[in-house]
Amino acid sequence: MTTSCTTVNVTAFSASAQQLANEQKFAALAKALSHPARVRIIKILLTLDNLNGCLNSDLVSQLGLAQSTVSEHLRILKQAELISAEPIPPRMCYRVNRNKLEEFSNLFSAIVD
């Protein structure tokens, strides 16, 4: 089976500074979500958020990962501003940042449209 390939002028793919910035933002958020454990953390936080709660329990047992690994996943999600952490002694209360998830969705839509 053979397919034909049409030659296209490469300048048709030029992007504005804003488009390039949006692509960089999207890539950074996608990278933060690129691990199944981080996706699972977001899912757990979204479920808790729908119940007007936050996660202040032990994620280690829910994810089946070492504490240091869970801490690293949480750090990456916080750095990308996908979650926030509020100290409520003796633990941290983690919440999902719905605005950042919406931004990710909008950036993705802009790329694929």
Protein backbone atom coordinates (compact mmCIF):
# COMPACT_ATOMS: atom_id res chain seq x y z
CA MET A 1 0.00 0.00 0.00
CA THR A 2 1.42 3.39 -0.96
CA THR A 3 0.25 6.83 0.01
CA SER A 4 0.97 10.12 -1.62
CA CYS A 5 2.43 13.09 0.18
CA THR A 6 1.59 16.61 -0.81
CA THR A 7 4.31 19.23 -0.51
CA VAL A 8 3.26 22.20 1.60
CA ASN A 9 4.93 25.58 2.01
CA VAL A 10 6.65 25.46 5.43
CA THR A 11 5.87 29.13 6.13
CA ALA A 12 2.24 28.05 6.52
CA PHE A 13 3.27 26.63 9.89
CA SER A 14 4.75 29.80 11.38
CA ALA A 15 3.44 30.71 14.82
CA SER A 16 2.99 33.95 16.70
CA ALA A 17 4.85 34.63 19.92
CA GLN A 18 1.59 33.99 21.82
CA GLN A 19 1.08 30.64 20.08
CA LEU A 20 4.63 29.60 20.94
CA ALA A 21 4.12 30.66 24.57
CA ASN A 22 0.88 28.67 24.72
CA GLU A 23 2.61 25.60 23.28
CA GLN A 24 5.31 25.89 25.94
CA LYS A 25 2.68 26.19 28.71
CA PHE A 26 0.84 23.18 27.35
CA ALA A 27 4.01 21.11 27.16
CA ALA A 28 4.95 21.98 30.76
CA LEU A 29 1.50 20.96 32.03
CA ALA A 30 1.50 17.82 29.91
CA LYS A 31 4.89 16.89 31.35
CA ALA A 32 3.55 17.33 34.88
CA LEU A 33 0.67 14.99 34.02
CA SER A 34 2.82 12.47 32.17
CA HIS A 35 2.92 9.85 34.91
CA PRO A 36 -0.03 7.57 35.77
CA ALA A 37 0.44 8.20 39.51
CA ARG A 38 0.10 11.95 39.00
CA VAL A 39 -3.01 11.44 36.90
CA ARG A 40 -4.39 9.25 39.71
CA ILE A 41 -3.59 11.94 42.29
CA ILE A 42 -5.48 14.50 40.21
CA LYS A 43 -8.44 12.10 39.91
CA ILE A 44 -8.50 11.56 43.69
CA LEU A 45 -8.31 15.31 44.32
CA LEU A 46 -11.09 16.03 41.81
CA THR A 47 -13.33 13.48 43.52
CA LEU A 48 -12.61 15.00 46.94
CA ASP A 49 -13.12 18.51 45.57
CA ASN A 50 -16.58 17.51 44.34
CA LEU A 51 -17.30 16.55 47.97
CA ASN A 52 -15.95 19.95 49.15
CA GLY A 53 -12.99 18.26 50.77
CA CYS A 54 -9.27 18.00 50.41
CA LEU A 55 -6.77 15.22 50.68
CA ASN A 56 -5.15 15.08 54.06
CA SER A 57 -4.86 11.34 54.30
CA ASP A 58 -2.05 9.03 53.33
CA LEU A 59 -1.64 8.75 49.56
CA VAL A 60 1.06 6.13 49.96
CA SER A 61 -1.43 3.37 50.75
CA GLN A 62 -3.83 4.50 48.01
CA LEU A 63 -1.14 4.59 45.34
CA GLY A 64 0.99 1.71 46.55
CA LEU A 65 4.16 3.75 46.19
CA ALA A 66 6.96 4.72 48.55
CA GLN A 67 6.50 7.94 50.55
CA SER A 68 9.45 9.57 48.79
CA THR A 69 7.94 8.74 45.38
CA VAL A 70 4.54 10.16 46.34
CA SER A 71 6.23 13.29 47.70
CA GLU A 72 8.05 13.76 44.39
CA HIS A 73 4.81 13.39 42.42
CA LEU A 74 3.13 15.96 44.68
CA ARG A 75 6.10 18.32 44.26
CA ILE A 76 5.85 18.11 40.47
CA LEU A 77 2.10 18.75 40.52
CA LYS A 78 2.55 21.71 42.89
CA GLN A 79 5.37 23.15 40.79
CA ALA A 80 3.07 23.06 37.75
CA GLU A 81 0.36 24.71 39.89
CA LEU A 82 -2.02 21.81 39.20
CA ILE A 83 -2.48 21.35 42.94
CA SER A 84 -2.05 23.45 46.04
CA ALA A 85 -1.03 22.45 49.54
CA GLU A 86 -2.22 24.05 52.75
CA PRO A 87 -0.70 23.04 56.06
CA ILE A 88 -3.33 21.77 58.47
CA PRO A 89 -1.22 20.27 61.24
CA PRO A 90 -0.12 17.60 61.48
CA ARG A 91 -0.59 17.10 57.71
CA MET A 92 -0.92 18.95 54.44
CA CYS A 93 -4.28 19.44 52.79
CA TYR A 94 -3.98 19.05 49.01
CA ARG A 95 -6.49 20.53 46.58
CA VAL A 96 -6.75 20.43 42.81
CA ASN A 97 -6.44 23.71 40.93
CA ARG A 98 -9.44 23.56 38.61
CA ASN A 99 -8.43 26.80 36.90
CA LYS A 100 -5.10 25.28 35.86
CA LEU A 101 -6.83 22.13 34.59
CA GLU A 102 -9.19 24.31 32.57
CA GLU A 103 -6.20 26.22 31.19
CA PHE A 104 -4.62 22.90 30.16
CA SER A 105 -7.83 21.85 28.43
CA ASN A 106 -8.10 25.20 26.62
CA LEU A 107 -4.47 25.07 25.51
CA PHE A 108 -4.98 21.56 24.17
CA SER A 109 -8.09 22.64 22.29
CA ALA A 110 -6.22 25.56 20.75
CA ILE A 111 -3.46 23.24 19.54
CA VAL A 112 -5.69 20.61 17.96
CA ASP A 113 -8.16 23.03 16.37
